[in-house]
Every structure is written in structure tokens, then in C-alpha cells.
Amino acid sequence: MLWSNWISFAIGAWLFVTGWIPALQGEWNMIIFGAAAALFGFLAYKSWQGIVNGLLGVWIFLSGIWFGLNYPQNFLLVGIAMVILGIWGATYHTHDVAHGTA
């Protein structure tokens, strides 16, 4: 398992846990997408799973902008990190498949 998968899992778990804090708003969004991000971060063995994780990051980032939250920093920073890790995971696994090591 890649280090980026563990970080993606930790970020998803972070979103899930912080979703239970009402002051941050967007609770259900954080809980549902945090659980999905943790799951795909933990099970990201194929490049498409890295892509899905990156798309979850895009949604989390955009939801921090669209929903007019009081504290959107959590969404924005986590979304950016997930997009970067999703791209990393997708390109890493693609590299493995191309070289026959996956």
C-alpha cells in the first residue's frame, strides 16, 4: 500500500470525524464523502480508484465554495489534498501497469 493511500485514508477519516461537529456546517456532506474518501484511500489498488478519490476531492473543494459555509477552510484544504493524492495514486498505478509491476 502506498503512503498516499494512507494519507487519503487519514484525510477521509478526518472529514468523517469532523462531520460530527455542528459548528463546521455541512455535516452530512463531510460524513458521507469522508467515509467514501477513507474507503477509496484504503482500497486504492487500481488507477481508477485514485481517479475516484481525486473526484471526491474536487467535490469536497467545490462544496466548500458553493454552500456558503462559515468555515470553508476544512473543505478547501482537504479537497486540494485529495485531488493531489488522487492524481498521484492514478499516475503511480498507471506507471506500474505500463511496466508490468502491478
C-alpha atoms as a PDB file:
ATOM      1  CA  MET A   1       0.000   0.000   0.000  1.00  0.00           C
ATOM      2  CA  LEU A   2       1.290   3.423  -0.949  1.00  0.00           C
ATOM      3  CA  TRP A   3       1.969   6.180   1.546  1.00  0.00           C
ATOM      4  CA  SER A   4      -0.515   8.317  -0.415  1.00  0.00           C
ATOM      5  CA  ASN A   5      -3.236   5.726   0.266  1.00  0.00           C
ATOM      6  CA  TRP A   6      -2.644   6.011   3.995  1.00  0.00           C
ATOM      7  CA  ILE A   7      -2.790   9.798   3.810  1.00  0.00           C
ATOM      8  CA  SER A   8      -6.004   9.617   1.758  1.00  0.00           C
ATOM      9  CA  PHE A   9      -7.458   7.266   4.351  1.00  0.00           C
ATOM     10  CA  ALA A  10      -6.462   9.637   7.169  1.00  0.00           C
ATOM     11  CA  ILE A  11      -7.963  12.624   5.335  1.00  0.00           C
ATOM     12  CA  GLY A  12     -11.211  10.739   4.771  1.00  0.00           C
ATOM     13  CA  ALA A  13     -11.298   9.719   8.424  1.00  0.00           C
ATOM     14  CA  TRP A  14     -10.658  13.354   9.374  1.00  0.00           C
ATOM     15  CA  LEU A  15     -13.626  14.501   7.284  1.00  0.00           C
ATOM     16  CA  PHE A  16     -15.812  11.777   8.753  1.00  0.00           C
ATOM     17  CA  VAL A  17     -14.920  12.711  12.338  1.00  0.00           C
ATOM     18  CA  THR A  18     -15.212  16.471  11.812  1.00  0.00           C
ATOM     19  CA  GLY A  19     -18.596  15.920  10.186  1.00  0.00           C
ATOM     20  CA  TRP A  20     -19.966  15.338  13.665  1.00  0.00           C
ATOM     21  CA  ILE A  21     -19.023  18.890  14.738  1.00  0.00           C
ATOM     22  CA  PRO A  22     -22.105  21.050  14.050  1.00  0.00           C
ATOM     23  CA  ALA A  23     -20.194  24.356  14.132  1.00  0.00           C
ATOM     24  CA  LEU A  24     -18.316  23.410  10.947  1.00  0.00           C
ATOM     25  CA  GLN A  25     -21.591  23.022   8.976  1.00  0.00           C
ATOM     26  CA  GLY A  26     -22.012  20.654   6.051  1.00  0.00           C
ATOM     27  CA  GLU A  27     -22.164  17.718   8.429  1.00  0.00           C
ATOM     28  CA  TRP A  28     -23.734  15.120   6.154  1.00  0.00           C
ATOM     29  CA  ASN A  29     -21.550  16.124   3.246  1.00  0.00           C
ATOM     30  CA  MET A  30     -18.450  15.607   5.390  1.00  0.00           C
ATOM     31  CA  ILE A  31     -19.668  12.331   6.881  1.00  0.00           C
ATOM     32  CA  ILE A  32     -20.723  10.712   3.598  1.00  0.00           C
ATOM     33  CA  PHE A  33     -17.825  11.904   1.465  1.00  0.00           C
ATOM     34  CA  GLY A  34     -15.336  11.433   4.303  1.00  0.00           C
ATOM     35  CA  ALA A  35     -16.373   7.787   4.614  1.00  0.00           C
ATOM     36  CA  ALA A  36     -16.134   7.345   0.831  1.00  0.00           C
ATOM     37  CA  ALA A  37     -12.716   9.034   0.731  1.00  0.00           C
ATOM     38  CA  ALA A  38     -11.436   6.851   3.568  1.00  0.00           C
ATOM     39  CA  LEU A  39     -12.730   3.728   1.841  1.00  0.00           C
ATOM     40  CA  PHE A  40     -11.219   4.588  -1.546  1.00  0.00           C
ATOM     41  CA  GLY A  41      -7.999   5.769   0.119  1.00  0.00           C
ATOM     42  CA  PHE A  42      -7.658   2.475   1.946  1.00  0.00           C
ATOM     43  CA  LEU A  43      -8.584   0.296  -1.024  1.00  0.00           C
ATOM     44  CA  ALA A  44      -6.865   2.236  -3.818  1.00  0.00           C
ATOM     45  CA  TYR A  45      -5.083  -0.564  -5.648  1.00  0.00           C
ATOM     46  CA  LYS A  46      -6.087   0.420  -9.176  1.00  0.00           C
ATOM     47  CA  SER A  47      -5.687   3.677 -11.061  1.00  0.00           C
ATOM     48  CA  TRP A  48      -9.457   4.220 -11.369  1.00  0.00           C
ATOM     49  CA  GLN A  49      -9.730   4.232  -7.582  1.00  0.00           C
ATOM     50  CA  GLY A  50      -7.169   7.030  -7.440  1.00  0.00           C
ATOM     51  CA  ILE A  51      -9.234   8.905 -10.007  1.00  0.00           C
ATOM     52  CA  VAL A  52     -12.388   8.439  -7.907  1.00  0.00           C
ATOM     53  CA  ASN A  53     -10.527   9.734  -4.855  1.00  0.00           C
ATOM     54  CA  GLY A  54      -9.423  12.778  -6.856  1.00  0.00           C
ATOM     55  CA  LEU A  55     -13.009  13.404  -7.982  1.00  0.00           C
ATOM     56  CA  LEU A  56     -14.183  13.163  -4.386  1.00  0.00           C
ATOM     57  CA  GLY A  57     -11.573  15.817  -3.602  1.00  0.00           C
ATOM     58  CA  VAL A  58     -12.954  18.060  -6.350  1.00  0.00           C
ATOM     59  CA  TRP A  59     -16.456  17.707  -4.888  1.00  0.00           C
ATOM     60  CA  ILE A  60     -15.255  18.437  -1.355  1.00  0.00           C
ATOM     61  CA  PHE A  61     -13.366  21.524  -2.556  1.00  0.00           C
ATOM     62  CA  LEU A  62     -16.307  22.846  -4.580  1.00  0.00           C
ATOM     63  CA  SER A  63     -18.799  22.170  -1.800  1.00  0.00           C
ATOM     64  CA  GLY A  64     -16.694  24.392   0.457  1.00  0.00           C
ATOM     65  CA  ILE A  65     -17.233  27.208  -2.032  1.00  0.00           C
ATOM     66  CA  TRP A  66     -20.846  26.594  -3.095  1.00  0.00           C
ATOM     67  CA  PHE A  67     -22.544  26.031   0.233  1.00  0.00           C
ATOM     68  CA  GLY A  68     -21.504  29.374   1.757  1.00  0.00           C
ATOM     69  CA  LEU A  69     -20.141  27.814   4.929  1.00  0.00           C
ATOM     70  CA  ASN A  70     -18.872  29.848   7.866  1.00  0.00           C
ATOM     71  CA  TYR A  71     -15.598  27.898   7.958  1.00  0.00           C
ATOM     72  CA  PRO A  72     -14.869  26.518   4.467  1.00  0.00           C
ATOM     73  CA  GLN A  73     -11.129  26.061   5.108  1.00  0.00           C
ATOM     74  CA  ASN A  74     -11.582  22.424   6.108  1.00  0.00           C
ATOM     75  CA  PHE A  75     -13.315  21.650   2.813  1.00  0.00           C
ATOM     76  CA  LEU A  76     -10.888  23.671   0.704  1.00  0.00           C
ATOM     77  CA  LEU A  77      -7.655  22.277   2.171  1.00  0.00           C
ATOM     78  CA  VAL A  78      -8.881  18.696   2.334  1.00  0.00           C
ATOM     79  CA  GLY A  79     -10.248  18.928  -1.215  1.00  0.00           C
ATOM     80  CA  ILE A  80      -6.934  20.190  -2.590  1.00  0.00           C
ATOM     81  CA  ALA A  81      -5.002  17.473  -0.746  1.00  0.00           C
ATOM     82  CA  MET A  82      -7.347  14.765  -2.030  1.00  0.00           C
ATOM     83  CA  VAL A  83      -7.084  15.944  -5.626  1.00  0.00           C
ATOM     84  CA  ILE A  84      -3.286  15.905  -5.425  1.00  0.00           C
ATOM     85  CA  LEU A  85      -3.239  12.454  -3.815  1.00  0.00           C
ATOM     86  CA  GLY A  86      -5.808  11.149  -6.300  1.00  0.00           C
ATOM     87  CA  ILE A  87      -3.678  12.299  -9.230  1.00  0.00           C
ATOM     88  CA  TRP A  88      -0.605  10.807  -7.589  1.00  0.00           C
ATOM     89  CA  GLY A  89      -2.341   7.475  -6.993  1.00  0.00           C
ATOM     90  CA  ALA A  90      -3.767   7.295 -10.509  1.00  0.00           C
ATOM     91  CA  THR A  91      -0.453   8.074 -12.196  1.00  0.00           C
ATOM     92  CA  TYR A  92       1.522   5.760  -9.887  1.00  0.00           C
ATOM     93  CA  HIS A  93      -0.736   2.787 -10.630  1.00  0.00           C
ATOM     94  CA  THR A  94      -0.736   3.598 -14.341  1.00  0.00           C
ATOM     95  CA  HIS A  95       3.082   3.578 -14.235  1.00  0.00           C
ATOM     96  CA  ASP A  96       3.040   0.140 -12.555  1.00  0.00           C
ATOM     97  CA  VAL A  97       0.679  -1.319 -15.132  1.00  0.00           C
ATOM     98  CA  ALA A  98       2.765   0.046 -18.017  1.00  0.00           C
ATOM     99  CA  HIS A  99       5.899  -1.560 -16.584  1.00  0.00           C
ATOM    100  CA  GLY A 100       4.249  -4.848 -15.615  1.00  0.00           C
ATOM    101  CA  THR A 101       4.825  -4.486 -11.860  1.00  0.00           C
ATOM    102  CA  ALA A 102       1.168  -4.152 -10.817  1.00  0.00           C
END
